[in-house]
Structure formats: C-alpha cells, structure tokens
C-alpha atoms as a PDB file:
ATOM      1  CA  MET A   1      -5.120   8.617  13.300  1.00  0.00           C
ATOM      2  CA  THR A   2      -8.289   6.718  12.437  1.00  0.00           C
ATOM      3  CA  ASP A   3      -9.480   3.258  13.365  1.00  0.00           C
ATOM      4  CA  THR A   4      -8.412   1.915   9.975  1.00  0.00           C
ATOM      5  CA  PRO A   5      -5.482  -0.503   9.889  1.00  0.00           C
ATOM      6  CA  MET A   6      -2.096   1.153   9.664  1.00  0.00           C
ATOM      7  CA  ARG A   7      -0.080   0.681   6.502  1.00  0.00           C
ATOM      8  CA  GLU A   8       2.989  -1.464   7.034  1.00  0.00           C
ATOM      9  CA  PRO A   9       5.584   1.268   6.340  1.00  0.00           C
ATOM     10  CA  THR A  10       3.892   3.537   8.890  1.00  0.00           C
ATOM     11  CA  PHE A  11       3.836   0.722  11.451  1.00  0.00           C
ATOM     12  CA  LEU A  12       7.515   0.007  10.836  1.00  0.00           C
ATOM     13  CA  VAL A  13       8.599   3.655  11.075  1.00  0.00           C
ATOM     14  CA  LEU A  14       6.714   4.096  14.351  1.00  0.00           C
ATOM     15  CA  THR A  15       8.206   0.843  15.628  1.00  0.00           C
ATOM     16  CA  ALA A  16      11.707   2.048  14.711  1.00  0.00           C
ATOM     17  CA  LEU A  17      11.107   5.187  16.780  1.00  0.00           C
ATOM     18  CA  ALA A  18       9.498   3.393  19.731  1.00  0.00           C
ATOM     19  CA  GLU A  19      12.724   2.529  21.507  1.00  0.00           C
ATOM     20  CA  GLU A  20      14.727   5.696  20.914  1.00  0.00           C
ATOM     21  CA  SER A  21      14.929   8.762  18.721  1.00  0.00           C
ATOM     22  CA  ARG A  22      16.575   8.167  15.355  1.00  0.00           C
ATOM     23  CA  HIS A  23      17.589  10.125  12.293  1.00  0.00           C
ATOM     24  CA  GLY A  24      16.220   9.197   8.893  1.00  0.00           C
ATOM     25  CA  TYR A  25      18.983   6.882   7.721  1.00  0.00           C
ATOM     26  CA  ALA A  26      18.917   5.044  11.070  1.00  0.00           C
ATOM     27  CA  VAL A  27      15.163   4.517  10.595  1.00  0.00           C
ATOM     28  CA  ILE A  28      15.818   3.051   7.128  1.00  0.00           C
ATOM     29  CA  GLU A  29      18.461   0.700   8.545  1.00  0.00           C
ATOM     30  CA  ASP A  30      16.297  -0.364  11.486  1.00  0.00           C
ATOM     31  CA  VAL A  31      13.285  -1.111   9.282  1.00  0.00           C
ATOM     32  CA  ALA A  32      15.474  -3.253   7.018  1.00  0.00           C
ATOM     33  CA  ALA A  33      16.874  -5.089  10.062  1.00  0.00           C
ATOM     34  CA  MET A  34      13.427  -5.624  11.628  1.00  0.00           C
ATOM     35  CA  THR A  35      12.098  -7.139   8.416  1.00  0.00           C
ATOM     36  CA  GLY A  36      15.152  -9.184   7.511  1.00  0.00           C
ATOM     37  CA  GLY A  37      15.658  -6.964   4.470  1.00  0.00           C
ATOM     38  CA  ARG A  38      12.140  -7.575   3.139  1.00  0.00           C
ATOM     39  CA  VAL A  39      11.234  -3.887   3.486  1.00  0.00           C
ATOM     40  CA  ARG A  40      13.747  -1.324   2.290  1.00  0.00           C
ATOM     41  CA  LEU A  41      12.404   2.190   2.569  1.00  0.00           C
ATOM     42  CA  ARG A  42      13.670   4.690   0.030  1.00  0.00           C
ATOM     43  CA  ALA A  43      14.735   8.062   1.344  1.00  0.00           C
ATOM     44  CA  GLY A  44      11.997   9.952  -0.511  1.00  0.00           C
ATOM     45  CA  THR A  45       9.338   7.583   0.788  1.00  0.00           C
ATOM     46  CA  LEU A  46      10.678   7.810   4.335  1.00  0.00           C
ATOM     47  CA  TYR A  47      10.871  11.603   4.470  1.00  0.00           C
ATOM     48  CA  ALA A  48       7.363  11.955   3.029  1.00  0.00           C
ATOM     49  CA  ALA A  49       6.143   9.533   5.723  1.00  0.00           C
ATOM     50  CA  LEU A  50       8.032  11.416   8.446  1.00  0.00           C
ATOM     51  CA  ASP A  51       6.450  14.704   7.318  1.00  0.00           C
ATOM     52  CA  ARG A  52       2.975  13.096   7.328  1.00  0.00           C
ATOM     53  CA  LEU A  53       3.509  11.530  10.753  1.00  0.00           C
ATOM     54  CA  ARG A  54       4.674  14.899  12.123  1.00  0.00           C
ATOM     55  CA  THR A  55       1.584  16.587  10.703  1.00  0.00           C
ATOM     56  CA  GLU A  56      -0.587  13.901  12.313  1.00  0.00           C
ATOM     57  CA  GLY A  57       1.143  14.491  15.656  1.00  0.00           C
ATOM     58  CA  LEU A  58       2.495  10.931  15.915  1.00  0.00           C
ATOM     59  CA  ILE A  59       6.170  11.946  15.874  1.00  0.00           C
ATOM     60  CA  GLU A  60       8.142  15.091  16.531  1.00  0.00           C
ATOM     61  CA  VAL A  61      11.658  16.371  16.029  1.00  0.00           C
ATOM     62  CA  ASP A  62      13.786  15.431  19.027  1.00  0.00           C
ATOM     63  CA  ARG A  63      16.932  17.297  18.083  1.00  0.00           C
ATOM     64  CA  GLU A  64      19.116  18.371  15.183  1.00  0.00           C
ATOM     65  CA  GLU A  65      22.863  18.220  14.714  1.00  0.00           C
ATOM     66  CA  VAL A  66      25.316  18.911  11.926  1.00  0.00           C
ATOM     67  CA  VAL A  67      27.393  15.940  10.822  1.00  0.00           C
ATOM     68  CA  GLN A  68      29.938  16.400   8.023  1.00  0.00           C
ATOM     69  CA  SER A  69      28.325  19.734   7.091  1.00  0.00           C
ATOM     70  CA  ARG A  70      24.860  18.127   6.779  1.00  0.00           C
ATOM     71  CA  LEU A  71      21.880  18.598   9.046  1.00  0.00           C
ATOM     72  CA  ARG A  72      20.826  15.409  10.790  1.00  0.00           C
ATOM     73  CA  ARG A  73      17.337  15.528  12.300  1.00  0.00           C
ATOM     74  CA  TYR A  74      16.318  13.026  14.951  1.00  0.00           C
ATOM     75  CA  TYR A  75      12.676  12.051  15.370  1.00  0.00           C
ATOM     76  CA  ARG A  76      10.844  10.579  18.358  1.00  0.00           C
ATOM     77  CA  LEU A  77       7.411   9.161  19.062  1.00  0.00           C
ATOM     78  CA  THR A  78       4.853  11.430  20.714  1.00  0.00           C
ATOM     79  CA  GLY A  79       2.325  10.184  23.241  1.00  0.00           C
ATOM     80  CA  ALA A  80      -0.239   9.990  20.437  1.00  0.00           C
ATOM     81  CA  GLY A  81       2.244   8.026  18.333  1.00  0.00           C
ATOM     82  CA  GLU A  82       2.864   5.591  21.168  1.00  0.00           C
ATOM     83  CA  GLN A  83      -0.882   5.087  21.623  1.00  0.00           C
ATOM     84  CA  SER A  84      -1.424   4.631  17.896  1.00  0.00           C
ATOM     85  CA  LEU A  85       1.383   2.063  17.690  1.00  0.00           C
ATOM     86  CA  ALA A  86       0.049   0.209  20.752  1.00  0.00           C
ATOM     87  CA  THR A  87      -3.457   0.102  19.250  1.00  0.00           C
ATOM     88  CA  GLU A  88      -2.170  -1.250  15.945  1.00  0.00           C
ATOM     89  CA  THR A  89       0.042  -3.787  17.716  1.00  0.00           C
ATOM     90  CA  ALA A  90      -2.976  -5.083  19.668  1.00  0.00           C
ATOM     91  CA  ARG A  91      -5.032  -5.263  16.454  1.00  0.00           C
ATOM     92  CA  LEU A  92      -2.336  -7.251  14.676  1.00  0.00           C
ATOM     93  CA  ARG A  93      -1.865  -9.541  17.683  1.00  0.00           C
ATOM     94  CA  ALA A  94      -5.615 -10.287  17.777  1.00  0.00           C
ATOM     95  CA  GLN A  95      -5.646 -11.070  14.056  1.00  0.00           C
ATOM     96  CA  ALA A  96      -2.595 -13.321  14.383  1.00  0.00           C
ATOM     97  CA  THR A  97      -4.221 -15.166  17.291  1.00  0.00           C
ATOM     98  CA  ILE A  98      -7.319 -15.856  15.194  1.00  0.00           C
ATOM     99  CA  ALA A  99      -5.175 -17.116  12.317  1.00  0.00           C
ATOM    100  CA  GLU A 100      -3.145 -19.384  14.633  1.00  0.00           C
ATOM    101  CA  ARG A 101      -6.292 -20.901  16.163  1.00  0.00           C
ATOM    102  CA  ARG A 102      -7.777 -21.579  12.761  1.00  0.00           C
ATOM    103  CA  LEU A 103      -4.578 -23.166  11.510  1.00  0.00           C
ATOM    104  CA  GLN A 104      -4.429 -25.366  14.606  1.00  0.00           C
ATOM    105  CA  GLY A 105      -8.052 -26.399  14.039  1.00  0.00           C
ATOM    106  CA  ARG A 106      -7.324 -27.176  10.404  1.00  0.00           C
ATOM    107  CA  ARG A 107      -4.319 -29.299  11.320  1.00  0.00           C
ATOM    108  CA  ALA A 108      -6.337 -31.163  13.953  1.00  0.00           C
ATOM    109  CA  ARG A 109      -9.102 -31.924  11.420  1.00  0.00           C
ATOM    110  CA  LEU A 110      -6.590 -33.041   8.808  1.00  0.00           C
ATOM    111  CA  GLY A 111      -4.601 -35.177  11.229  1.00  0.00           C
ATOM    112  CA  GLY A 112      -1.535 -32.956  11.253  1.00  0.00           C
ATOM    113  CA  ALA A 113      -1.285 -32.533   7.457  1.00  0.00           C
ATOM    114  CA  THR A 114      -0.382 -29.018   6.321  1.00  0.00           C
ATOM    115  CA  THR A 115      -1.434 -29.170   2.669  1.00  0.00           C
END
C-alpha cells in the first residue's frame, strides 16, 4: 500500500475484518452497520475489493466452509493489513483534530455562532 489516502470502501472493509474473520456477506452487513446504512457495498464491488486486498497482501483467506451447498470463504487481516489500517486511522484522526480545532477557533471568533 502507498502513502496515499485509502479509499473509504477499502478502509471500511479492513475495519470490518479488524476484529475477527468474516465472510463476504458479513462484511457487507458490518460495513452497513458501521456507517448507519450510508455505505452499502454491492457484492460485485466487495469481491473485487477482496481480491485486490488479497493481491496487495492486506488480507488473506482464513478458512472455507460449505453452507447450504455453497462455499463460504472467511477473510482476515494480515499484519500488513493491520499496519495499513492503523496508519490510515492515524491519518484520519490527525485530519479530524485539525478540523475540530479550526471549527472551535471559528466559533470563538464568531461568539459561538455556527453559521
């Protein structure tokens, strides 16, 4: 992964896999829950992202099982994926801190007005 900011869907997929391994549909559900339904990944988009993240070494297959005659593949974060997610999280936190400070300064200059 490069030093460029991570696209939101990538960040969300890695975040969904940070706590535990998940299969594709569980990733879709978790992303929707994390974003309050704002982001709803489509299956085709998700599986293309999962393939890309595997190629980049950020995730790997944890295990596979057959459920109702269908293969269910579980994915997990690799060490590189964990580091990449941590780096992006720190970048976003730093940007949010700057924005919060500037908003506080604006409100102080305007006497508490928000418009």
